N, C-alpha and C. Protein backbone atom coordinates (compact mmCIF):
# COMPACT_ATOMS: atom_id res chain seq x y z
N MET A 1 22.93 -11.79 -40.58
CA MET A 1 23.28 -10.70 -41.08
C MET A 1 22.25 -9.34 -41.33
N ASP A 2 23.22 -8.05 -41.02
CA ASP A 2 21.96 -7.32 -41.19
C ASP A 2 21.93 -6.47 -42.14
N ALA A 3 21.70 -5.37 -42.10
CA ALA A 3 21.95 -4.18 -43.17
C ALA A 3 22.97 -3.98 -43.51
N ASN A 4 23.57 -3.42 -42.35
CA ASN A 4 25.42 -3.32 -42.86
C ASN A 4 26.09 -4.09 -43.44
N ASP A 5 25.85 -5.65 -43.50
CA ASP A 5 26.99 -6.30 -43.14
C ASP A 5 26.14 -6.41 -45.17
N ILE A 6 25.18 -6.53 -44.84
CA ILE A 6 24.50 -6.17 -47.23
C ILE A 6 25.68 -5.11 -47.59
N LEU A 7 24.95 -4.10 -47.38
CA LEU A 7 26.14 -2.72 -47.80
C LEU A 7 27.09 -2.90 -48.11
N LYS A 8 27.99 -3.35 -47.14
CA LYS A 8 29.07 -3.14 -47.42
C LYS A 8 29.57 -4.64 -48.28
N ARG A 9 28.55 -5.77 -48.10
CA ARG A 9 29.41 -6.68 -49.09
C ARG A 9 29.03 -6.37 -50.58
N TYR A 10 27.86 -5.66 -50.75
CA TYR A 10 27.26 -4.81 -52.20
C TYR A 10 28.25 -4.08 -52.75
N ALA A 11 29.09 -3.19 -51.83
CA ALA A 11 29.95 -2.10 -52.53
C ALA A 11 31.09 -3.21 -52.51
N ALA A 12 31.42 -3.72 -51.92
CA ALA A 12 32.86 -4.92 -52.71
C ALA A 12 32.48 -5.70 -53.84
N GLY A 13 31.06 -5.81 -54.18
CA GLY A 13 30.56 -6.51 -55.54
C GLY A 13 29.73 -7.18 -55.45
N ASN A 14 29.55 -7.81 -54.07
CA ASN A 14 28.83 -8.66 -54.05
C ASN A 14 26.95 -8.61 -54.22
N ARG A 15 26.97 -9.84 -55.19
CA ARG A 15 25.42 -9.08 -55.68
C ARG A 15 24.35 -10.58 -55.10
N HIS A 16 24.84 -11.61 -54.84
CA HIS A 16 23.77 -12.84 -54.65
C HIS A 16 24.14 -13.36 -53.02
N PHE A 17 22.78 -13.13 -52.42
CA PHE A 17 22.03 -12.85 -51.16
C PHE A 17 21.19 -13.97 -51.26
N LEU A 18 21.59 -15.30 -51.59
CA LEU A 18 20.39 -16.33 -51.70
C LEU A 18 19.98 -17.43 -50.81
N GLN A 19 19.03 -17.53 -50.61
CA GLN A 19 18.31 -18.45 -49.17
C GLN A 19 18.60 -17.41 -48.16
N MET A 20 18.67 -16.18 -47.74
CA MET A 20 18.90 -15.88 -46.88
C MET A 20 17.71 -15.49 -45.44
N SER A 21 18.00 -15.16 -44.63
CA SER A 21 16.99 -15.22 -43.55
C SER A 21 17.31 -13.54 -42.67
N LEU A 22 16.12 -12.47 -43.14
CA LEU A 22 16.65 -11.45 -43.52
C LEU A 22 15.06 -10.47 -42.85
N GLN A 23 14.46 -11.41 -42.21
CA GLN A 23 12.81 -10.85 -41.83
C GLN A 23 13.47 -9.43 -40.85
N ARG A 24 11.98 -8.52 -41.58
CA ARG A 24 12.44 -7.21 -40.54
C ARG A 24 13.54 -6.57 -40.80
N ILE A 25 14.84 -6.97 -41.99
CA ILE A 25 16.08 -5.85 -42.28
C ILE A 25 15.28 -4.65 -42.82
N ASN A 26 16.08 -3.74 -42.38
CA ASN A 26 15.50 -2.15 -42.50
C ASN A 26 16.92 -2.02 -43.98
N LEU A 27 16.09 -1.94 -45.43
CA LEU A 27 17.10 -1.06 -46.32
C LEU A 27 16.22 -0.40 -46.57
N ASN A 28 15.79 0.84 -45.98
CA ASN A 28 14.97 2.03 -46.97
C ASN A 28 16.13 2.71 -47.68
N ASP A 29 15.42 3.17 -48.43
CA ASP A 29 15.95 3.67 -49.37
C ASP A 29 17.73 4.05 -49.67
N THR A 30 18.03 1.95 -49.55
CA THR A 30 19.29 2.21 -50.18
C THR A 30 19.52 1.73 -51.79
N CYS A 31 19.98 1.84 -52.27
CA CYS A 31 20.53 1.59 -53.77
C CYS A 31 20.95 0.00 -54.48
N LEU A 32 20.74 -0.58 -54.64
CA LEU A 32 21.06 -1.89 -55.04
C LEU A 32 20.68 -2.37 -56.08
N VAL A 33 20.92 -2.05 -56.79
CA VAL A 33 20.51 -2.19 -58.43
C VAL A 33 21.21 -3.57 -58.77
N GLY A 34 20.51 -4.50 -58.87
CA GLY A 34 20.72 -5.83 -59.58
C GLY A 34 21.01 -7.27 -58.64
N ILE A 35 20.54 -6.64 -56.99
CA ILE A 35 21.19 -7.73 -56.43
C ILE A 35 19.92 -9.04 -56.47
N ASN A 36 20.39 -9.84 -55.92
CA ASN A 36 19.74 -11.30 -56.03
C ASN A 36 19.21 -11.57 -54.71
N PHE A 37 18.23 -11.67 -54.27
CA PHE A 37 18.07 -12.06 -53.16
C PHE A 37 17.06 -13.23 -53.34
N GLY A 38 17.13 -13.95 -54.26
CA GLY A 38 16.55 -15.59 -54.71
C GLY A 38 16.17 -16.24 -53.29
N GLN A 39 15.04 -16.70 -53.04
CA GLN A 39 14.98 -17.50 -52.27
C GLN A 39 14.62 -17.14 -50.82
N SER A 40 15.22 -15.89 -50.85
CA SER A 40 15.75 -15.22 -49.35
C SER A 40 14.10 -14.95 -48.68
N ASN A 41 14.43 -15.19 -47.28
CA ASN A 41 12.99 -14.72 -46.33
C ASN A 41 13.24 -13.06 -46.23
N LEU A 42 12.25 -12.10 -46.33
CA LEU A 42 12.22 -10.58 -46.62
C LEU A 42 11.25 -10.20 -45.63
N SER A 43 10.37 -10.95 -45.16
CA SER A 43 8.97 -10.87 -44.63
C SER A 43 9.24 -9.78 -43.42
N ARG A 44 8.24 -8.79 -43.32
CA ARG A 44 7.80 -7.79 -42.81
C ARG A 44 9.19 -6.76 -43.07
N ALA A 45 10.26 -6.58 -43.78
CA ALA A 45 11.44 -5.84 -44.11
C ALA A 45 10.75 -4.40 -44.42
N ASN A 46 11.34 -3.55 -44.12
CA ASN A 46 11.58 -2.36 -44.73
C ASN A 46 12.49 -1.85 -46.15
N LEU A 47 11.60 -2.27 -46.93
CA LEU A 47 12.17 -1.63 -48.27
C LEU A 47 11.64 -0.57 -48.94
N SER A 48 10.86 0.41 -47.80
CA SER A 48 11.11 1.61 -49.02
C SER A 48 12.08 2.53 -49.23
N GLY A 49 11.43 3.00 -50.40
CA GLY A 49 12.50 4.06 -51.61
C GLY A 49 13.70 3.09 -52.04
N ALA A 50 14.14 2.53 -51.67
CA ALA A 50 15.21 1.72 -52.25
C ALA A 50 14.96 1.27 -53.58
N CYS A 51 16.39 1.49 -54.75
CA CYS A 51 16.55 0.77 -55.59
C CYS A 51 16.58 -0.17 -55.85
N LEU A 52 15.68 -0.89 -56.69
CA LEU A 52 16.16 -1.98 -56.41
C LEU A 52 15.79 -2.68 -57.73
N ARG A 53 16.32 -1.96 -58.53
CA ARG A 53 15.94 -2.26 -60.22
C ARG A 53 16.55 -3.43 -60.66
N ARG A 54 15.97 -4.24 -61.46
CA ARG A 54 16.74 -5.48 -62.13
C ARG A 54 17.11 -6.45 -61.08
N GLY A 55 16.01 -6.34 -59.83
CA GLY A 55 16.75 -7.44 -58.52
C GLY A 55 16.17 -8.49 -58.67
N ASN A 56 17.03 -9.69 -58.21
CA ASN A 56 16.03 -11.04 -58.64
C ASN A 56 15.66 -11.42 -57.17
N PHE A 57 14.09 -11.36 -57.02
CA PHE A 57 13.30 -12.07 -55.65
C PHE A 57 12.87 -13.09 -56.34
N ASN A 58 13.32 -14.22 -57.04
CA ASN A 58 12.35 -15.00 -57.73
C ASN A 58 11.99 -15.88 -55.90
N GLU A 59 10.97 -16.42 -55.93
CA GLU A 59 10.76 -17.76 -54.88
C GLU A 59 10.72 -16.71 -53.31
N ALA A 60 11.27 -15.61 -53.56
CA ALA A 60 11.49 -14.57 -52.14
C ALA A 60 10.21 -14.49 -51.07
N LYS A 61 9.88 -14.68 -49.89
CA LYS A 61 9.04 -14.38 -49.15
C LYS A 61 9.10 -12.79 -48.69
N LEU A 62 8.54 -12.17 -49.00
CA LEU A 62 8.31 -10.88 -48.77
C LEU A 62 6.80 -10.52 -48.40
N VAL A 63 6.35 -11.38 -46.87
CA VAL A 63 5.08 -11.29 -46.47
C VAL A 63 5.11 -9.79 -45.85
N GLU A 64 3.87 -9.07 -45.85
CA GLU A 64 3.95 -7.92 -45.24
C GLU A 64 5.22 -7.01 -44.89
N THR A 65 5.75 -6.96 -46.05
CA THR A 65 7.21 -6.32 -46.24
C THR A 65 6.83 -4.82 -47.00
N THR A 66 7.55 -3.52 -46.41
CA THR A 66 7.23 -2.32 -46.94
C THR A 66 7.91 -2.08 -48.06
N LEU A 67 7.32 -2.16 -49.16
CA LEU A 67 7.95 -1.35 -50.37
C LEU A 67 7.31 -0.60 -51.17
N TRP A 68 6.98 0.35 -49.83
CA TRP A 68 6.06 2.07 -50.37
C TRP A 68 7.15 2.77 -51.74
N ARG A 69 6.89 3.18 -52.83
CA ARG A 69 7.69 4.13 -53.40
C ARG A 69 8.94 3.12 -54.00
N THR A 70 9.36 1.74 -53.52
CA THR A 70 10.33 1.09 -54.20
C THR A 70 10.60 0.94 -55.66
N ASP A 71 11.87 1.03 -56.09
CA ASP A 71 11.52 1.20 -57.60
C ASP A 71 12.21 -0.36 -57.93
N LEU A 72 11.09 -1.48 -57.92
CA LEU A 72 11.54 -2.72 -58.36
C LEU A 72 11.14 -3.05 -60.33
N ARG A 73 11.52 -1.92 -60.98
CA ARG A 73 11.38 -1.77 -62.90
C ARG A 73 12.14 -2.98 -63.00
N GLU A 74 11.75 -3.84 -63.81
CA GLU A 74 12.25 -4.45 -64.66
C GLU A 74 12.94 -6.03 -63.38
N GLY A 75 12.33 -5.90 -62.61
CA GLY A 75 12.76 -6.69 -61.49
C GLY A 75 12.30 -8.24 -61.75
N LEU A 76 12.77 -9.49 -61.39
CA LEU A 76 12.39 -10.62 -61.45
C LEU A 76 11.54 -11.21 -60.21
N LEU A 77 10.28 -11.10 -60.34
CA LEU A 77 9.35 -11.90 -58.97
C LEU A 77 8.58 -13.24 -58.92
N ILE A 78 9.49 -13.92 -59.52
CA ILE A 78 8.37 -14.85 -60.15
C ILE A 78 8.44 -15.74 -59.09
N TRP A 79 7.17 -16.65 -58.65
CA TRP A 79 6.91 -16.98 -57.43
C TRP A 79 7.27 -16.90 -56.33
N ALA A 80 7.46 -15.17 -56.65
CA ALA A 80 7.75 -14.67 -55.29
C ALA A 80 6.01 -14.34 -54.32
N ASP A 81 6.20 -14.54 -52.96
CA ASP A 81 5.15 -14.36 -51.80
C ASP A 81 5.39 -13.02 -51.35
N LEU A 82 4.35 -11.89 -51.91
CA LEU A 82 4.05 -10.59 -51.49
C LEU A 82 3.02 -10.61 -50.83
N SER A 83 2.35 -11.36 -49.92
CA SER A 83 1.06 -11.69 -49.33
C SER A 83 0.97 -10.42 -48.58
N LYS A 84 -0.19 -9.24 -48.45
CA LYS A 84 -0.21 -8.63 -47.15
C LYS A 84 0.89 -7.52 -47.48
N ALA A 85 1.82 -7.33 -48.37
CA ALA A 85 3.00 -6.64 -48.53
C ALA A 85 2.40 -4.92 -48.76
N CYS A 86 2.85 -4.03 -48.65
CA CYS A 86 2.76 -2.70 -49.18
C CYS A 86 3.65 -2.11 -50.24
N LEU A 87 2.71 -1.91 -51.19
CA LEU A 87 3.56 -1.50 -52.77
C LEU A 87 2.68 -0.30 -53.00
N ILE A 88 2.29 0.52 -52.00
CA ILE A 88 1.71 1.99 -52.27
C ILE A 88 2.54 2.34 -53.34
N ARG A 89 2.97 3.09 -54.45
CA ARG A 89 3.31 3.68 -55.53
C ARG A 89 4.65 3.25 -55.60
N ALA A 90 4.84 2.11 -55.38
CA ALA A 90 6.22 0.80 -55.86
C ALA A 90 5.90 1.01 -57.59
N ILE A 91 7.48 1.05 -58.05
CA ILE A 91 7.43 0.79 -59.45
C ILE A 91 7.72 -0.29 -59.89
N LEU A 92 6.82 -1.02 -60.55
CA LEU A 92 6.91 -2.31 -60.94
C LEU A 92 7.02 -2.78 -62.57
N ALA A 93 7.24 -1.64 -63.43
CA ALA A 93 6.93 -1.88 -64.77
C ALA A 93 8.17 -2.54 -65.01
N LYS A 94 7.52 -3.38 -66.44
CA LYS A 94 8.15 -4.31 -66.90
C LYS A 94 8.69 -5.84 -65.99
N ALA A 95 8.14 -5.64 -64.39
CA ALA A 95 8.97 -6.57 -63.81
C ALA A 95 7.93 -7.96 -63.89
N ASP A 96 8.69 -9.04 -64.05
CA ASP A 96 8.46 -10.53 -64.03
C ASP A 96 7.95 -11.11 -62.60
N LEU A 97 6.45 -10.87 -62.41
CA LEU A 97 5.98 -11.10 -61.55
C LEU A 97 4.67 -12.80 -62.05
N HIS A 98 5.28 -13.47 -62.76
CA HIS A 98 4.18 -14.23 -62.72
C HIS A 98 4.10 -15.63 -61.79
N ASN A 99 2.82 -15.69 -61.67
CA ASN A 99 2.82 -16.98 -60.32
C ASN A 99 3.14 -16.36 -59.26
N ALA A 100 3.26 -15.10 -58.67
CA ALA A 100 3.54 -14.24 -57.94
C ALA A 100 2.35 -14.44 -57.09
N MET A 101 2.25 -14.68 -55.48
CA MET A 101 1.44 -13.92 -54.46
C MET A 101 1.03 -12.98 -54.25
N LEU A 102 0.43 -12.51 -54.58
CA LEU A 102 -0.19 -10.86 -53.86
C LEU A 102 -1.60 -10.70 -53.30
N THR A 103 -1.82 -11.62 -52.47
CA THR A 103 -3.09 -12.11 -51.81
C THR A 103 -3.19 -10.70 -51.20
N ARG A 104 -3.99 -10.06 -51.15
CA ARG A 104 -4.75 -8.70 -50.28
C ARG A 104 -3.38 -7.58 -50.23
N ALA A 105 -2.91 -7.77 -51.18
CA ALA A 105 -1.67 -6.49 -51.05
C ALA A 105 -1.74 -5.40 -51.22
N ASP A 106 -1.28 -4.06 -50.85
CA ASP A 106 -1.87 -2.95 -51.31
C ASP A 106 -1.16 -2.40 -52.55
N LEU A 107 -1.22 -2.11 -53.83
CA LEU A 107 -0.93 -1.81 -54.92
C LEU A 107 -1.89 -0.46 -54.95
N ARG A 108 -2.03 0.54 -54.42
CA ARG A 108 -2.49 1.75 -54.99
C ARG A 108 -1.40 2.33 -55.73
N LEU A 109 -1.75 2.99 -56.84
CA LEU A 109 -1.14 4.30 -57.37
C LEU A 109 -0.06 3.14 -57.64
N ALA A 110 0.49 1.69 -58.00
CA ALA A 110 1.35 1.20 -57.84
C ALA A 110 1.82 1.46 -60.14
N ASP A 111 2.72 1.50 -60.30
CA ASP A 111 3.10 1.56 -61.90
C ASP A 111 3.69 -0.05 -62.17
N LEU A 112 2.65 -0.91 -62.62
CA LEU A 112 2.95 -1.42 -63.59
C LEU A 112 2.61 -1.93 -64.41
N ARG A 113 2.81 -0.94 -65.36
CA ARG A 113 2.98 -1.26 -67.25
C ARG A 113 3.45 -1.92 -67.70
N TYR A 114 3.23 -3.04 -68.30
CA TYR A 114 3.80 -3.86 -69.15
C TYR A 114 4.51 -5.04 -68.36
N ALA A 115 3.84 -5.27 -66.66
CA ALA A 115 4.76 -6.41 -66.10
C ALA A 115 3.79 -7.60 -66.45
N ASP A 116 4.64 -8.73 -66.01
CA ASP A 116 4.19 -10.14 -66.16
C ASP A 116 3.26 -10.77 -65.25
N LEU A 117 2.22 -10.71 -65.18
CA LEU A 117 1.63 -10.99 -63.70
C LEU A 117 0.62 -12.18 -64.43
N GLY A 118 1.16 -12.79 -65.11
CA GLY A 118 0.24 -13.86 -65.86
C GLY A 118 0.16 -15.15 -64.43
N ASN A 119 -0.61 -15.75 -64.58
CA ASN A 119 -1.01 -16.86 -63.48
C ASN A 119 -1.16 -15.85 -61.88
N ALA A 120 -0.67 -14.77 -61.37
CA ALA A 120 -0.41 -14.49 -60.61
C ALA A 120 -1.61 -14.78 -59.42
N ASN A 121 -1.42 -14.23 -58.32
CA ASN A 121 -2.60 -14.70 -57.41
C ASN A 121 -2.87 -13.13 -56.76
N LEU A 122 -4.08 -12.18 -57.03
CA LEU A 122 -4.19 -11.10 -56.97
C LEU A 122 -5.35 -11.50 -55.63
N GLU A 123 -6.07 -11.79 -55.52
CA GLU A 123 -7.29 -12.09 -54.67
C GLU A 123 -7.20 -10.76 -53.31
N GLY A 124 -8.43 -10.26 -53.35
CA GLY A 124 -8.44 -9.42 -52.25
C GLY A 124 -6.99 -8.18 -52.20
N ALA A 125 -6.52 -7.71 -53.22
CA ALA A 125 -6.12 -6.50 -53.31
C ALA A 125 -6.04 -5.60 -54.00
N ASP A 126 -5.58 -4.41 -53.25
CA ASP A 126 -5.86 -3.20 -53.72
C ASP A 126 -5.44 -2.42 -54.45
N LEU A 127 -5.86 -2.28 -55.71
CA LEU A 127 -5.11 -1.83 -56.59
C LEU A 127 -5.56 -0.42 -57.11
N ARG A 128 -6.32 0.05 -56.72
CA ARG A 128 -6.65 1.30 -57.16
C ARG A 128 -5.87 2.49 -57.52
N TYR A 129 -6.33 3.03 -58.61
CA TYR A 129 -5.61 3.85 -59.25
C TYR A 129 -3.84 3.39 -59.57
N ALA A 130 -3.67 2.08 -59.85
CA ALA A 130 -2.79 1.93 -60.30
C ALA A 130 -2.21 1.78 -61.94
N ASP A 131 -1.66 1.73 -62.64
CA ASP A 131 -1.55 1.74 -63.60
C ASP A 131 -0.55 0.68 -64.20
N LEU A 132 -1.47 -0.43 -65.41
CA LEU A 132 -1.40 -1.62 -65.52
C LEU A 132 -1.42 -1.42 -66.42
N THR A 133 -1.26 -0.56 -67.83
CA THR A 133 -1.10 -0.74 -68.89
C THR A 133 -0.17 -1.33 -69.78
N GLY A 134 -0.67 -2.27 -70.68
CA GLY A 134 0.02 -3.35 -71.14
C GLY A 134 0.48 -4.65 -70.34
N ALA A 135 0.05 -4.43 -69.24
CA ALA A 135 0.16 -5.87 -68.18
C ALA A 135 -0.23 -6.91 -68.84
N ASN A 136 0.60 -8.24 -68.14
CA ASN A 136 0.36 -9.76 -68.76
C ASN A 136 -0.30 -10.08 -67.23
N LEU A 137 -2.09 -10.19 -67.68
CA LEU A 137 -2.88 -10.55 -66.61
C LEU A 137 -3.72 -12.38 -66.95
N ALA A 138 -3.28 -12.95 -68.11
CA ALA A 138 -4.16 -13.92 -68.58
C ALA A 138 -3.66 -15.06 -67.19
N GLY A 139 -5.06 -15.23 -66.86
CA GLY A 139 -4.89 -16.40 -66.07
C GLY A 139 -4.91 -15.99 -64.35
N ALA A 140 -4.67 -14.48 -64.20
CA ALA A 140 -4.44 -14.18 -63.19
C ALA A 140 -5.49 -14.24 -62.32
N ASN A 141 -5.54 -14.17 -60.52
CA ASN A 141 -6.87 -14.36 -59.72
C ASN A 141 -6.89 -12.71 -59.94
N LEU A 142 -8.09 -12.60 -59.61
CA LEU A 142 -8.28 -10.97 -59.60
C LEU A 142 -9.48 -11.07 -58.85
N SER A 143 -10.44 -12.04 -58.34
CA SER A 143 -11.55 -11.92 -57.65
C SER A 143 -10.99 -11.13 -56.49
N LYS A 144 -11.92 -10.33 -56.37
CA LYS A 144 -12.27 -9.69 -54.92
C LYS A 144 -11.03 -8.04 -54.92
N THR A 145 -10.73 -8.02 -55.98
CA THR A 145 -9.53 -7.36 -55.94
C THR A 145 -10.45 -5.52 -55.72
N ASN A 146 -9.64 -4.30 -55.73
CA ASN A 146 -10.66 -3.37 -55.85
C ASN A 146 -9.75 -2.48 -57.10
N LEU A 147 -10.59 -2.45 -57.99
CA LEU A 147 -9.33 -1.93 -59.46
C LEU A 147 -10.19 -0.69 -59.61
N THR A 148 -11.01 0.53 -58.88
CA THR A 148 -10.99 1.69 -58.90
C THR A 148 -10.27 2.72 -59.27
N GLY A 149 -10.86 3.46 -60.26
CA GLY A 149 -10.06 4.05 -61.32
C GLY A 149 -8.54 3.51 -61.67
N ALA A 150 -8.36 2.05 -61.93
CA ALA A 150 -7.10 1.47 -62.28
C ALA A 150 -7.09 1.69 -63.68
N ASN A 151 -5.52 2.16 -64.29
CA ASN A 151 -5.69 1.91 -65.72
C ASN A 151 -5.45 0.30 -66.10
N LEU A 152 -5.95 -0.03 -67.04
CA LEU A 152 -5.76 -1.68 -67.80
C LEU A 152 -6.08 -1.42 -68.97
N SER A 153 -5.58 -0.35 -69.26
CA SER A 153 -5.79 -0.20 -71.07
C SER A 153 -4.83 -1.50 -71.78
N LYS A 154 -5.27 -2.22 -72.79
CA LYS A 154 -4.12 -2.67 -73.28
C LYS A 154 -3.92 -4.21 -72.52
N VAL A 155 -4.45 -4.52 -71.86
CA VAL A 155 -3.78 -5.86 -70.88
C VAL A 155 -4.47 -6.97 -71.18
N ASP A 156 -3.92 -8.07 -70.80
CA ASP A 156 -4.16 -9.51 -71.46
C ASP A 156 -4.36 -10.03 -70.00
N LEU A 157 -6.35 -10.11 -70.15
CA LEU A 157 -6.87 -10.74 -69.12
C LEU A 157 -7.37 -11.94 -69.44
N TYR A 158 -6.90 -12.45 -70.65
CA TYR A 158 -7.65 -13.81 -71.18
C TYR A 158 -7.65 -15.18 -69.84
N ASN A 159 -8.58 -15.81 -69.69
CA ASN A 159 -8.21 -16.60 -68.69
C ASN A 159 -8.59 -16.25 -67.37
N ALA A 160 -8.69 -14.95 -67.12
CA ALA A 160 -8.17 -14.44 -65.57
C ALA A 160 -9.83 -14.48 -64.59
N ASN A 161 -9.34 -14.80 -63.61
CA ASN A 161 -11.02 -15.05 -62.35
C ASN A 161 -11.35 -13.01 -61.79
N MET A 162 -11.94 -12.81 -62.85
CA MET A 162 -12.30 -11.43 -61.83
C MET A 162 -13.80 -11.12 -61.19
N SER A 163 -14.04 -12.19 -60.99
CA SER A 163 -15.10 -12.12 -59.82
C SER A 163 -15.49 -11.08 -58.67
N LYS A 164 -16.29 -10.80 -58.90
CA LYS A 164 -16.36 -9.67 -57.29
C LYS A 164 -15.41 -8.50 -57.12
N ALA A 165 -14.29 -8.55 -58.78
CA ALA A 165 -13.72 -7.04 -58.51
C ALA A 165 -14.81 -6.29 -58.34
N ILE A 166 -14.25 -4.98 -57.95
CA ILE A 166 -14.86 -3.74 -57.94
C ILE A 166 -13.96 -2.96 -59.07
N LEU A 167 -14.96 -2.76 -60.59
CA LEU A 167 -14.02 -2.15 -61.44
C LEU A 167 -15.38 -0.55 -61.52
N SER A 168 -15.13 0.17 -60.68
CA SER A 168 -15.33 1.64 -60.82
C SER A 168 -14.55 2.53 -61.29
N ARG A 169 -14.96 3.33 -62.63
CA ARG A 169 -13.97 4.25 -63.23
C ARG A 169 -12.58 3.57 -63.83
N THR A 170 -12.74 2.36 -63.94
CA THR A 170 -11.52 1.49 -64.33
C THR A 170 -11.39 1.65 -66.08
N ASP A 171 -10.31 1.73 -66.59
CA ASP A 171 -10.12 1.81 -67.70
C ASP A 171 -9.32 0.40 -68.24
N LEU A 172 -10.22 -0.02 -69.28
CA LEU A 172 -9.98 -1.50 -69.68
C LEU A 172 -10.38 -1.44 -71.44
N ARG A 173 -10.15 0.07 -71.33
CA ARG A 173 -9.67 0.09 -73.48
C ARG A 173 -8.58 -1.00 -74.15
N TYR A 174 -9.55 -1.60 -74.85
CA TYR A 174 -8.78 -2.75 -76.06
C TYR A 174 -8.19 -3.57 -75.53
N ALA A 175 -8.55 -3.97 -73.86
CA ALA A 175 -8.08 -4.91 -73.17
C ALA A 175 -8.70 -6.51 -73.63
N ASP A 176 -8.10 -7.08 -73.72
CA ASP A 176 -8.51 -8.63 -73.55
C ASP A 176 -8.98 -9.61 -72.57
N LEU A 177 -10.63 -9.48 -72.70
CA LEU A 177 -11.46 -9.84 -71.60
C LEU A 177 -12.35 -11.27 -72.36
N SER A 178 -11.23 -11.83 -73.19
CA SER A 178 -12.26 -12.74 -73.89
C SER A 178 -11.89 -14.21 -72.99
N CYS A 179 -12.82 -15.01 -72.07
CA CYS A 179 -12.82 -16.06 -71.39
C CYS A 179 -12.87 -15.61 -70.10
N THR A 180 -12.63 -14.59 -69.50
CA THR A 180 -12.70 -13.71 -68.13
C THR A 180 -13.80 -14.01 -67.30
N ASN A 181 -13.84 -14.61 -66.10
CA ASN A 181 -14.67 -14.74 -65.54
C ASN A 181 -14.65 -13.22 -64.48
N ILE A 182 -16.37 -12.93 -65.20
CA ILE A 182 -16.76 -11.58 -64.72
C ILE A 182 -18.06 -11.83 -63.66
N ASP A 183 -17.85 -12.72 -63.17
CA ASP A 183 -19.29 -12.73 -62.33
C ASP A 183 -19.18 -12.04 -60.95
N ASP A 184 -20.45 -11.36 -61.10
CA ASP A 184 -21.01 -10.30 -59.86
C ASP A 184 -19.48 -9.49 -59.73
N ILE A 185 -19.60 -8.43 -60.77
CA ILE A 185 -18.30 -7.74 -60.87
C ILE A 185 -19.36 -6.28 -61.10
N ASP A 186 -18.69 -4.87 -60.35
CA ASP A 186 -19.22 -3.82 -60.25
C ASP A 186 -18.73 -2.89 -61.52
N LEU A 187 -19.73 -2.39 -62.36
CA LEU A 187 -18.88 -2.27 -63.73
C LEU A 187 -19.15 -0.82 -64.26
N TYR A 188 -19.44 -0.01 -62.85
CA TYR A 188 -19.88 1.58 -63.01
C TYR A 188 -19.08 2.24 -63.85
N ASP A 189 -19.29 3.05 -64.65
CA ASP A 189 -18.64 3.58 -65.38
C ASP A 189 -16.87 3.39 -66.11
N VAL A 190 -17.46 2.32 -66.72
CA VAL A 190 -16.02 1.47 -67.28
C VAL A 190 -15.70 1.69 -68.36
N ASN A 191 -14.98 2.33 -68.53
CA ASN A 191 -14.11 2.25 -70.33
C ASN A 191 -13.91 0.99 -70.71
N LEU A 192 -14.97 0.72 -71.67
CA LEU A 192 -14.49 -0.75 -72.36
C LEU A 192 -14.13 -0.76 -73.88
N SER A 193 -13.80 0.68 -74.51
CA SER A 193 -14.30 0.97 -75.59
C SER A 193 -13.13 -0.42 -76.22
N GLY A 194 -13.14 -0.47 -77.17
CA GLY A 194 -12.20 -1.26 -77.91
C GLY A 194 -11.86 -2.80 -77.79
N ALA A 195 -12.16 -3.19 -76.32
CA ALA A 195 -11.68 -3.97 -75.52
C ALA A 195 -12.75 -5.32 -76.33
N CYS A 196 -11.84 -6.56 -75.82
CA CYS A 196 -11.92 -7.56 -76.92
C CYS A 196 -12.99 -8.57 -75.57
N LEU A 197 -14.70 -8.55 -75.69
CA LEU A 197 -15.60 -8.82 -74.78
C LEU A 197 -15.44 -10.32 -74.64
N PRO A 198 -16.07 -11.14 -73.22
CA PRO A 198 -16.61 -12.25 -73.75
C PRO A 198 -17.91 -12.33 -73.74
N GLU A 199 -18.80 -13.35 -74.12
CA GLU A 199 -19.85 -13.21 -74.44
C GLU A 199 -21.28 -12.64 -73.39
N SER A 200 -20.85 -13.19 -72.42
CA SER A 200 -21.72 -12.56 -71.18
C SER A 200 -21.50 -11.35 -70.86
N LEU A 201 -21.02 -10.17 -71.52
CA LEU A 201 -20.17 -8.74 -71.22
C LEU A 201 -21.16 -8.13 -72.65
N PHE A 202 -21.17 -9.08 -73.86
CA PHE A 202 -21.38 -8.36 -74.84
C PHE A 202 -22.75 -7.15 -74.84
N SER A 203 -23.63 -7.73 -74.09
CA SER A 203 -25.31 -6.97 -74.42
C SER A 203 -24.92 -6.03 -73.00
N TYR A 204 -24.11 -6.65 -72.56
CA TYR A 204 -24.01 -5.38 -71.44
C TYR A 204 -23.55 -3.86 -72.01
N ALA A 205 -22.25 -4.18 -72.71
CA ALA A 205 -21.87 -3.40 -72.84
C ALA A 205 -22.15 -2.41 -74.23
N LEU A 206 -23.25 -3.27 -74.97
CA LEU A 206 -23.57 -1.94 -76.26
C LEU A 206 -24.93 -1.32 -75.52
N ASN A 207 -25.60 -1.80 -74.09
CA ASN A 207 -26.48 -1.19 -73.42
C ASN A 207 -25.92 0.72 -73.02
């Protein structure tokens, strides 16, 4: 199935494209609100600028997929594999990404406000200047992530792993960092006002 087939079926009212092989498909700048690509393989596809609000990508494979400026707000991406995906300026506000694989994904300037990233694997991801206000990152793996300039205010980081993450100029106001692994992290100019801190960081925050 190619892009034209999907667009024709979508226009006819079909929203379900489950377990399909769609590697390298080009759906950039399309409007496919509410589409269901659950368990489909969209690796290396081009979805740049597409409007995919409330779409279902549960257990979908999106490895190295281009999602630049893609609108995925309120989308379902549970257990989705977004390893090495390009999500620069993507809109993922209120999306459900718990247990998603986002290792080495490029999420610079992404909108992840109030997204659910519980237990997600973000190891090595680039989150510079991303907005994660109010997001759930409980149990998430954030080791080796670059969070320079990111907004993590009011984020739940309970039991998250942030070892070796870069937190330069990161906003962590009112974040829950209790029981968070913060080994070997760079805390240059981090805003921790009102944050719930682990005991290992408490003495540092007071200095």
